[in-house]
Amino acid sequence: MINHVFGLAVRVLLYDDNGKILILKRSTDSKTNPGKWELPGGKVDQGESFDQALIREVFEETGLKIFVEHFVGASEQNLHVIRAIHIIMSGRIMEGELKLSEEHEGYAWVFFEELADYELADWLNDYFINQTKILSHDDGKETEESENALQPWLNSVKGSIDNLRKR
């Protein structure tokens, strides 16, 4: 018996020239995570690629045209019947002026480390906590077994976060 139906969403870490990322505050009328902060993006429609969905969603939410770079992580959100998987990509703004849709009521440009200062959507909070734990283990004292198991994914995430910090 299937307890949950899986849904797929794509999100983007969009960064500015100072290395800050864009977060959006959900409308207080939203069905999920009302009034909380999240990354731009949304659901992948049937027959749509990750890139197509992300470009479409970001444009609908912000009026910005983006270029999608690469995968940086994933997070899970458990709703009543749906279990949403959020694929998180990095990207950059190609053109446009930020203009929010009715789905959101605010935005902020923040450093990744400052996300703790915001009331985040549940899935983004889980992602932030996991990334903070991984990055705090960057002292060379990890066990060989856990390091080998996480190495490809960890390198991708660390590289992306390092790139964001440098900008």
N, C-alpha and C. Protein backbone atom coordinates (compact mmCIF):
# COMPACT_ATOMS: atom_id res chain seq x y z
N MET A 1 0.83 -1.18 0.00
CA MET A 1 0.00 0.00 0.00
C MET A 1 0.88 1.25 0.00
N ILE A 2 0.58 2.20 -0.86
CA ILE A 2 1.33 3.46 -0.94
C ILE A 2 0.70 4.47 0.01
N ASN A 3 1.52 4.99 0.92
CA ASN A 3 1.03 5.97 1.88
C ASN A 3 1.12 7.40 1.35
N HIS A 4 2.09 7.64 0.48
CA HIS A 4 2.28 8.98 -0.06
C HIS A 4 2.45 8.93 -1.58
N VAL A 5 2.04 9.97 -2.23
CA VAL A 5 2.32 10.18 -3.64
C VAL A 5 3.51 11.13 -3.67
N PHE A 6 4.49 10.82 -4.51
CA PHE A 6 5.67 11.69 -4.60
C PHE A 6 5.44 12.77 -5.64
N GLY A 7 5.88 13.97 -5.29
CA GLY A 7 5.85 15.11 -6.20
C GLY A 7 7.27 15.65 -6.34
N LEU A 8 7.54 16.32 -7.42
CA LEU A 8 8.88 16.83 -7.67
C LEU A 8 8.84 18.34 -7.85
N ALA A 9 9.73 19.02 -7.15
CA ALA A 9 9.87 20.47 -7.28
C ALA A 9 11.34 20.77 -7.53
N VAL A 10 11.59 21.87 -8.22
CA VAL A 10 12.95 22.33 -8.45
C VAL A 10 13.09 23.73 -7.87
N ARG A 11 14.22 23.99 -7.26
CA ARG A 11 14.51 25.27 -6.60
C ARG A 11 15.88 25.74 -7.06
N VAL A 12 16.14 27.03 -6.85
CA VAL A 12 17.43 27.56 -7.30
C VAL A 12 18.06 28.47 -6.25
N LEU A 13 19.36 28.29 -6.09
CA LEU A 13 20.18 29.22 -5.33
C LEU A 13 20.66 30.26 -6.35
N LEU A 14 19.97 31.38 -6.41
CA LEU A 14 20.35 32.47 -7.30
C LEU A 14 21.21 33.43 -6.51
N TYR A 15 22.35 33.75 -6.99
CA TYR A 15 23.25 34.60 -6.23
C TYR A 15 23.55 35.89 -6.98
N ASP A 16 23.86 36.93 -6.19
CA ASP A 16 24.21 38.22 -6.79
C ASP A 16 25.73 38.36 -6.79
N ASP A 17 26.22 39.52 -7.21
CA ASP A 17 27.66 39.76 -7.31
C ASP A 17 28.36 39.76 -5.96
N ASN A 18 27.59 39.91 -4.87
CA ASN A 18 28.17 39.93 -3.53
C ASN A 18 28.14 38.56 -2.85
N GLY A 19 27.60 37.54 -3.56
CA GLY A 19 27.53 36.20 -2.99
C GLY A 19 26.28 35.96 -2.15
N LYS A 20 25.32 36.86 -2.22
CA LYS A 20 24.08 36.69 -1.49
C LYS A 20 23.10 35.92 -2.37
N ILE A 21 22.22 35.14 -1.72
CA ILE A 21 21.22 34.38 -2.45
C ILE A 21 19.84 35.00 -2.26
N LEU A 22 18.99 34.78 -3.24
CA LEU A 22 17.63 35.31 -3.21
C LEU A 22 16.71 34.34 -2.50
N ILE A 23 15.98 34.86 -1.50
CA ILE A 23 14.93 34.08 -0.85
C ILE A 23 13.62 34.86 -0.97
N LEU A 24 12.52 34.12 -1.04
CA LEU A 24 11.20 34.71 -1.22
C LEU A 24 10.32 34.35 -0.03
N LYS A 25 9.51 35.31 0.41
CA LYS A 25 8.57 35.05 1.51
C LYS A 25 7.22 34.67 0.93
N ARG A 26 6.76 33.46 1.28
CA ARG A 26 5.47 32.97 0.79
C ARG A 26 4.33 33.84 1.32
N SER A 27 3.29 33.95 0.54
CA SER A 27 2.10 34.68 0.94
C SER A 27 1.51 34.04 2.21
N THR A 28 0.92 34.86 3.04
CA THR A 28 0.28 34.32 4.26
C THR A 28 -0.97 33.52 3.92
N ASP A 29 -1.43 33.60 2.67
CA ASP A 29 -2.59 32.82 2.20
C ASP A 29 -2.19 31.45 1.64
N SER A 30 -0.91 31.16 1.58
CA SER A 30 -0.43 29.90 0.99
C SER A 30 -0.93 28.70 1.79
N LYS A 31 -1.20 27.60 1.07
CA LYS A 31 -1.65 26.37 1.71
C LYS A 31 -0.51 25.72 2.50
N THR A 32 0.72 25.81 1.99
CA THR A 32 1.87 25.22 2.68
C THR A 32 2.87 26.32 3.02
N ASN A 33 3.41 26.24 4.19
CA ASN A 33 4.42 27.17 4.69
C ASN A 33 4.04 28.65 4.52
N PRO A 34 2.82 29.03 4.91
CA PRO A 34 2.42 30.44 4.76
C PRO A 34 3.34 31.37 5.55
N GLY A 35 3.74 32.47 4.90
CA GLY A 35 4.56 33.48 5.55
C GLY A 35 6.01 33.08 5.78
N LYS A 36 6.41 31.93 5.27
CA LYS A 36 7.79 31.48 5.48
C LYS A 36 8.63 31.72 4.23
N TRP A 37 9.93 31.68 4.40
CA TRP A 37 10.89 31.98 3.35
C TRP A 37 11.34 30.73 2.63
N GLU A 38 11.56 30.85 1.31
CA GLU A 38 11.97 29.72 0.49
C GLU A 38 12.83 30.21 -0.67
N LEU A 39 13.38 29.26 -1.39
CA LEU A 39 14.11 29.58 -2.61
C LEU A 39 13.13 29.66 -3.77
N PRO A 40 13.43 30.46 -4.79
CA PRO A 40 12.55 30.50 -5.97
C PRO A 40 12.46 29.12 -6.63
N GLY A 41 11.32 28.84 -7.24
CA GLY A 41 11.11 27.59 -7.95
C GLY A 41 9.76 27.01 -7.64
N GLY A 42 9.53 25.78 -8.09
CA GLY A 42 8.24 25.14 -7.85
C GLY A 42 8.13 23.80 -8.53
N LYS A 43 6.90 23.39 -8.78
CA LYS A 43 6.60 22.05 -9.28
C LYS A 43 7.08 21.84 -10.72
N VAL A 44 7.47 20.60 -10.98
CA VAL A 44 7.82 20.17 -12.33
C VAL A 44 6.55 19.58 -12.94
N ASP A 45 6.13 20.13 -14.07
CA ASP A 45 4.96 19.61 -14.77
C ASP A 45 5.33 18.35 -15.56
N GLN A 46 4.35 17.52 -15.83
CA GLN A 46 4.57 16.30 -16.59
C GLN A 46 5.15 16.65 -17.97
N GLY A 47 6.19 15.93 -18.35
CA GLY A 47 6.84 16.13 -19.64
C GLY A 47 7.83 17.29 -19.68
N GLU A 48 8.05 17.93 -18.54
CA GLU A 48 8.93 19.09 -18.47
C GLU A 48 10.27 18.68 -17.86
N SER A 49 11.38 19.19 -18.39
CA SER A 49 12.69 18.90 -17.81
C SER A 49 12.88 19.76 -16.57
N PHE A 50 13.87 19.41 -15.73
CA PHE A 50 14.17 20.20 -14.55
C PHE A 50 14.48 21.64 -14.94
N ASP A 51 15.34 21.80 -15.94
CA ASP A 51 15.74 23.15 -16.38
C ASP A 51 14.53 23.95 -16.84
N GLN A 52 13.70 23.34 -17.69
CA GLN A 52 12.51 24.05 -18.19
C GLN A 52 11.60 24.48 -17.05
N ALA A 53 11.35 23.57 -16.12
CA ALA A 53 10.47 23.87 -14.98
C ALA A 53 11.04 24.99 -14.13
N LEU A 54 12.33 24.93 -13.87
CA LEU A 54 12.95 25.93 -13.01
C LEU A 54 12.95 27.31 -13.67
N ILE A 55 13.29 27.36 -14.93
CA ILE A 55 13.28 28.63 -15.67
C ILE A 55 11.86 29.21 -15.68
N ARG A 56 10.86 28.36 -15.95
CA ARG A 56 9.46 28.81 -15.99
C ARG A 56 9.01 29.30 -14.62
N GLU A 57 9.24 28.50 -13.58
CA GLU A 57 8.79 28.86 -12.24
C GLU A 57 9.42 30.16 -11.74
N VAL A 58 10.73 30.30 -11.95
CA VAL A 58 11.42 31.51 -11.49
C VAL A 58 10.88 32.73 -12.22
N PHE A 59 10.64 32.59 -13.51
CA PHE A 59 10.10 33.72 -14.28
C PHE A 59 8.69 34.07 -13.78
N GLU A 60 7.85 33.06 -13.54
CA GLU A 60 6.49 33.31 -13.05
C GLU A 60 6.51 33.99 -11.69
N GLU A 61 7.43 33.59 -10.82
CA GLU A 61 7.47 34.12 -9.45
C GLU A 61 8.17 35.46 -9.33
N THR A 62 9.16 35.71 -10.19
CA THR A 62 10.02 36.89 -10.00
C THR A 62 10.16 37.79 -11.22
N GLY A 63 9.80 37.32 -12.40
CA GLY A 63 10.03 38.08 -13.62
C GLY A 63 11.47 38.03 -14.10
N LEU A 64 12.29 37.19 -13.47
CA LEU A 64 13.71 37.09 -13.83
C LEU A 64 13.94 35.93 -14.79
N LYS A 65 14.80 36.13 -15.77
CA LYS A 65 15.24 35.05 -16.64
C LYS A 65 16.58 34.57 -16.09
N ILE A 66 16.68 33.24 -15.94
CA ILE A 66 17.88 32.69 -15.31
C ILE A 66 18.57 31.67 -16.20
N PHE A 67 19.80 31.38 -15.83
CA PHE A 67 20.59 30.30 -16.42
C PHE A 67 20.82 29.30 -15.31
N VAL A 68 20.48 28.03 -15.54
CA VAL A 68 20.65 26.98 -14.54
C VAL A 68 22.05 26.38 -14.69
N GLU A 69 22.77 26.30 -13.57
CA GLU A 69 24.15 25.80 -13.62
C GLU A 69 24.26 24.32 -13.29
N HIS A 70 24.08 23.95 -12.01
CA HIS A 70 24.22 22.54 -11.66
C HIS A 70 23.52 22.21 -10.34
N PHE A 71 23.42 20.94 -10.07
CA PHE A 71 22.78 20.39 -8.87
C PHE A 71 23.62 20.72 -7.64
N VAL A 72 22.94 21.16 -6.55
CA VAL A 72 23.66 21.41 -5.30
C VAL A 72 23.06 20.66 -4.12
N GLY A 73 21.88 20.08 -4.27
CA GLY A 73 21.33 19.34 -3.15
C GLY A 73 19.87 18.98 -3.36
N ALA A 74 19.30 18.39 -2.33
CA ALA A 74 17.90 17.99 -2.37
C ALA A 74 17.34 18.01 -0.96
N SER A 75 16.03 18.13 -0.87
CA SER A 75 15.36 18.12 0.42
C SER A 75 13.99 17.47 0.24
N GLU A 76 13.45 16.98 1.33
CA GLU A 76 12.15 16.31 1.29
C GLU A 76 11.15 17.07 2.14
N GLN A 77 9.92 17.11 1.68
CA GLN A 77 8.84 17.78 2.41
C GLN A 77 7.68 16.81 2.50
N ASN A 78 7.24 16.53 3.72
CA ASN A 78 6.12 15.60 3.91
C ASN A 78 4.85 16.39 4.18
N LEU A 79 3.94 16.32 3.21
CA LEU A 79 2.64 16.96 3.35
C LEU A 79 1.62 15.88 3.69
N HIS A 80 0.35 16.21 3.73
CA HIS A 80 -0.66 15.24 4.14
C HIS A 80 -0.66 13.98 3.28
N VAL A 81 -0.73 14.13 2.00
CA VAL A 81 -0.79 13.00 1.10
C VAL A 81 0.42 12.94 0.18
N ILE A 82 1.03 14.08 -0.06
CA ILE A 82 2.15 14.17 -1.00
C ILE A 82 3.48 14.30 -0.26
N ARG A 83 4.46 13.60 -0.74
CA ARG A 83 5.83 13.76 -0.27
C ARG A 83 6.58 14.45 -1.41
N ALA A 84 6.92 15.72 -1.20
CA ALA A 84 7.58 16.50 -2.25
C ALA A 84 9.10 16.41 -2.10
N ILE A 85 9.75 16.14 -3.20
CA ILE A 85 11.21 16.15 -3.25
C ILE A 85 11.62 17.44 -3.95
N HIS A 86 12.44 18.22 -3.28
CA HIS A 86 12.91 19.50 -3.82
C HIS A 86 14.35 19.32 -4.31
N ILE A 87 14.54 19.41 -5.62
CA ILE A 87 15.87 19.37 -6.22
C ILE A 87 16.39 20.81 -6.24
N ILE A 88 17.55 21.03 -5.66
CA ILE A 88 18.09 22.39 -5.55
C ILE A 88 19.27 22.53 -6.51
N MET A 89 19.16 23.54 -7.37
CA MET A 89 20.18 23.81 -8.38
C MET A 89 20.82 25.17 -8.07
N SER A 90 21.97 25.43 -8.67
CA SER A 90 22.51 26.78 -8.61
C SER A 90 22.21 27.44 -9.95
N GLY A 91 22.17 28.75 -9.95
CA GLY A 91 21.88 29.47 -11.17
C GLY A 91 22.27 30.92 -11.06
N ARG A 92 22.15 31.62 -12.18
CA ARG A 92 22.43 33.05 -12.15
C ARG A 92 21.41 33.78 -13.02
N ILE A 93 21.22 35.03 -12.67
CA ILE A 93 20.25 35.86 -13.37
C ILE A 93 20.85 36.32 -14.68
N MET A 94 20.09 36.15 -15.75
CA MET A 94 20.52 36.59 -17.07
C MET A 94 19.96 37.98 -17.39
N GLU A 95 18.68 38.20 -17.04
CA GLU A 95 18.07 39.51 -17.28
C GLU A 95 16.76 39.62 -16.54
N GLY A 96 16.25 40.84 -16.47
CA GLY A 96 14.96 41.10 -15.86
C GLY A 96 15.08 41.89 -14.58
N GLU A 97 13.95 42.44 -14.16
CA GLU A 97 13.87 43.15 -12.89
C GLU A 97 12.96 42.37 -11.96
N LEU A 98 13.35 42.28 -10.71
CA LEU A 98 12.62 41.48 -9.74
C LEU A 98 11.24 42.09 -9.47
N LYS A 99 10.22 41.30 -9.79
CA LYS A 99 8.83 41.70 -9.54
C LYS A 99 8.09 40.44 -9.08
N LEU A 100 7.66 40.43 -7.84
CA LEU A 100 7.05 39.24 -7.25
C LEU A 100 5.63 38.99 -7.75
N SER A 101 5.30 37.71 -7.88
CA SER A 101 3.93 37.30 -8.18
C SER A 101 3.12 37.35 -6.89
N GLU A 102 1.83 37.07 -6.98
CA GLU A 102 0.97 37.06 -5.80
C GLU A 102 1.29 35.90 -4.86
N GLU A 103 2.06 34.95 -5.35
CA GLU A 103 2.43 33.79 -4.54
C GLU A 103 3.37 34.17 -3.38
N HIS A 104 4.07 35.29 -3.53
CA HIS A 104 5.03 35.74 -2.52
C HIS A 104 4.77 37.19 -2.14
N GLU A 105 5.15 37.54 -0.90
CA GLU A 105 4.90 38.90 -0.43
C GLU A 105 6.17 39.62 -0.02
N GLY A 106 7.31 39.04 -0.23
CA GLY A 106 8.56 39.70 0.10
C GLY A 106 9.74 38.94 -0.43
N TYR A 107 10.89 39.62 -0.45
CA TYR A 107 12.12 38.97 -0.87
C TYR A 107 13.29 39.57 -0.10
N ALA A 108 14.38 38.85 -0.07
CA ALA A 108 15.61 39.32 0.58
C ALA A 108 16.80 38.68 -0.11
N TRP A 109 17.90 39.42 -0.13
CA TRP A 109 19.19 38.88 -0.59
C TRP A 109 20.01 38.66 0.67
N VAL A 110 20.40 37.41 0.94
CA VAL A 110 21.10 37.08 2.18
C VAL A 110 22.28 36.15 1.90
N PHE A 111 23.26 36.19 2.79
CA PHE A 111 24.32 35.20 2.73
C PHE A 111 23.76 33.87 3.24
N PHE A 112 24.28 32.77 2.72
CA PHE A 112 23.78 31.44 3.10
C PHE A 112 23.72 31.28 4.62
N GLU A 113 24.76 31.75 5.31
CA GLU A 113 24.84 31.61 6.76
C GLU A 113 23.73 32.39 7.48
N GLU A 114 23.17 33.41 6.83
CA GLU A 114 22.12 34.23 7.45
C GLU A 114 20.73 33.60 7.36
N LEU A 115 20.60 32.48 6.67
CA LEU A 115 19.29 31.84 6.57
C LEU A 115 18.72 31.49 7.94
N ALA A 116 19.59 31.26 8.90
CA ALA A 116 19.14 30.93 10.26
C ALA A 116 18.34 32.06 10.88
N ASP A 117 18.49 33.27 10.37
CA ASP A 117 17.78 34.44 10.91
C ASP A 117 16.35 34.56 10.37
N TYR A 118 15.96 33.68 9.47
CA TYR A 118 14.65 33.75 8.83
C TYR A 118 13.82 32.53 9.19
N GLU A 119 12.51 32.71 9.20
CA GLU A 119 11.60 31.58 9.42
C GLU A 119 11.42 30.90 8.06
N LEU A 120 12.13 29.80 7.89
CA LEU A 120 12.20 29.11 6.60
C LEU A 120 11.09 28.09 6.41
N ALA A 121 10.74 27.85 5.15
CA ALA A 121 9.83 26.74 4.83
C ALA A 121 10.47 25.46 5.36
N ASP A 122 9.66 24.51 5.77
CA ASP A 122 10.18 23.31 6.42
C ASP A 122 11.26 22.61 5.60
N TRP A 123 11.05 22.44 4.32
CA TRP A 123 12.02 21.74 3.48
C TRP A 123 13.34 22.51 3.38
N LEU A 124 13.27 23.85 3.31
CA LEU A 124 14.49 24.65 3.22
C LEU A 124 15.22 24.66 4.55
N ASN A 125 14.48 24.68 5.64
CA ASN A 125 15.10 24.62 6.96
C ASN A 125 15.88 23.32 7.12
N ASP A 126 15.28 22.21 6.70
CA ASP A 126 15.97 20.91 6.78
C ASP A 126 17.23 20.92 5.93
N TYR A 127 17.15 21.47 4.72
CA TYR A 127 18.32 21.56 3.84
C TYR A 127 19.40 22.41 4.48
N PHE A 128 19.03 23.56 5.02
CA PHE A 128 20.00 24.47 5.65
C PHE A 128 20.69 23.79 6.84
N ILE A 129 19.92 23.12 7.68
CA ILE A 129 20.50 22.44 8.84
C ILE A 129 21.47 21.36 8.39
N ASN A 130 21.09 20.56 7.39
CA ASN A 130 21.98 19.50 6.89
C ASN A 130 23.25 20.08 6.29
N GLN A 131 23.15 21.18 5.53
CA GLN A 131 24.33 21.78 4.93
C GLN A 131 25.25 22.36 6.01
N THR A 132 24.66 22.95 7.03
CA THR A 132 25.44 23.52 8.12
C THR A 132 26.22 22.42 8.84
N LYS A 133 25.57 21.27 9.05
CA LYS A 133 26.25 20.14 9.70
C LYS A 133 27.40 19.64 8.84
N ILE A 134 27.16 19.50 7.54
CA ILE A 134 28.20 19.01 6.64
C ILE A 134 29.37 19.98 6.58
N LEU A 135 29.06 21.26 6.44
CA LEU A 135 30.14 22.25 6.34
C LEU A 135 30.91 22.38 7.63
N SER A 136 30.26 22.14 8.79
CA SER A 136 30.95 22.24 10.07
C SER A 136 31.88 21.05 10.28
N HIS A 137 31.70 19.96 9.52
CA HIS A 137 32.60 18.81 9.61
C HIS A 137 33.80 18.95 8.68
N ASP A 138 33.97 20.10 8.11
CA ASP A 138 35.07 20.33 7.16
C ASP A 138 36.38 20.62 7.91
N ASP A 139 36.65 19.86 8.98
CA ASP A 139 37.86 20.06 9.75
C ASP A 139 38.87 18.92 9.56
N GLY A 140 38.59 18.02 8.61
CA GLY A 140 39.51 16.93 8.31
C GLY A 140 39.42 15.77 9.28
N LYS A 141 38.47 15.78 10.21
CA LYS A 141 38.38 14.73 11.23
C LYS A 141 37.24 13.74 10.96
N GLU A 142 36.67 13.78 9.77
CA GLU A 142 35.60 12.84 9.43
C GLU A 142 36.19 11.43 9.33
N THR A 143 35.34 10.45 9.59
CA THR A 143 35.81 9.09 9.45
C THR A 143 35.93 8.76 7.97
N GLU A 144 36.83 7.84 7.65
CA GLU A 144 37.05 7.49 6.25
C GLU A 144 35.80 6.91 5.62
N GLU A 145 35.05 6.10 6.40
CA GLU A 145 33.84 5.47 5.86
C GLU A 145 32.79 6.51 5.49
N SER A 146 32.47 7.45 6.38
CA SER A 146 31.45 8.45 6.07
C SER A 146 31.93 9.39 4.98
N GLU A 147 33.21 9.68 4.94
CA GLU A 147 33.75 10.56 3.90
C GLU A 147 33.63 9.91 2.52
N ASN A 148 33.94 8.62 2.42
CA ASN A 148 33.84 7.93 1.14
C ASN A 148 32.40 7.84 0.66
N ALA A 149 31.46 7.63 1.58
CA ALA A 149 30.05 7.51 1.21
C ALA A 149 29.49 8.83 0.69
N LEU A 150 29.93 9.94 1.24
CA LEU A 150 29.38 11.24 0.88
C LEU A 150 30.22 12.01 -0.13
N GLN A 151 31.39 11.51 -0.47
CA GLN A 151 32.36 12.30 -1.22
C GLN A 151 31.83 12.97 -2.49
N PRO A 152 31.21 12.27 -3.43
CA PRO A 152 30.77 12.96 -4.66
C PRO A 152 29.75 14.06 -4.37
N TRP A 153 28.76 13.75 -3.57
CA TRP A 153 27.72 14.72 -3.24
C TRP A 153 28.30 15.86 -2.42
N LEU A 154 29.13 15.54 -1.43
CA LEU A 154 29.73 16.52 -0.55
C LEU A 154 30.61 17.50 -1.34
N ASN A 155 31.39 16.97 -2.27
CA ASN A 155 32.23 17.85 -3.09
C ASN A 155 31.38 18.83 -3.90
N SER A 156 30.26 18.36 -4.44
CA SER A 156 29.38 19.22 -5.21
C SER A 156 28.81 20.34 -4.35
N VAL A 157 28.33 19.99 -3.17
CA VAL A 157 27.74 20.97 -2.27
C VAL A 157 28.80 21.95 -1.78
N LYS A 158 29.93 21.43 -1.33
CA LYS A 158 31.00 22.31 -0.84
C LYS A 158 31.47 23.25 -1.93
N GLY A 159 31.62 22.74 -3.15
CA GLY A 159 32.06 23.58 -4.25
C GLY A 159 31.06 24.69 -4.53
N SER A 160 29.78 24.36 -4.49
CA SER A 160 28.75 25.36 -4.76
C SER A 160 28.72 26.42 -3.66
N ILE A 161 28.79 25.99 -2.41
CA ILE A 161 28.78 26.94 -1.29
C ILE A 161 30.04 27.80 -1.34
N ASP A 162 31.19 27.20 -1.62
CA ASP A 162 32.43 27.97 -1.75
C ASP A 162 32.32 29.02 -2.84
N ASN A 163 31.74 28.64 -3.99
CA ASN A 163 31.55 29.61 -5.08
C ASN A 163 30.63 30.74 -4.66
N LEU A 164 29.57 30.42 -3.92
CA LEU A 164 28.66 31.47 -3.45
C LEU A 164 29.36 32.41 -2.49
N ARG A 165 30.19 31.88 -1.62
CA ARG A 165 30.89 32.71 -0.65
C ARG A 165 31.90 33.64 -1.31
N LYS A 166 32.53 33.19 -2.39
CA LYS A 166 33.55 33.98 -3.07
C LYS A 166 32.97 35.14 -3.84
N ARG A 167 31.70 35.06 -4.22
CA ARG A 167 31.11 36.10 -5.07
C ARG A 167 30.67 37.25 -4.26
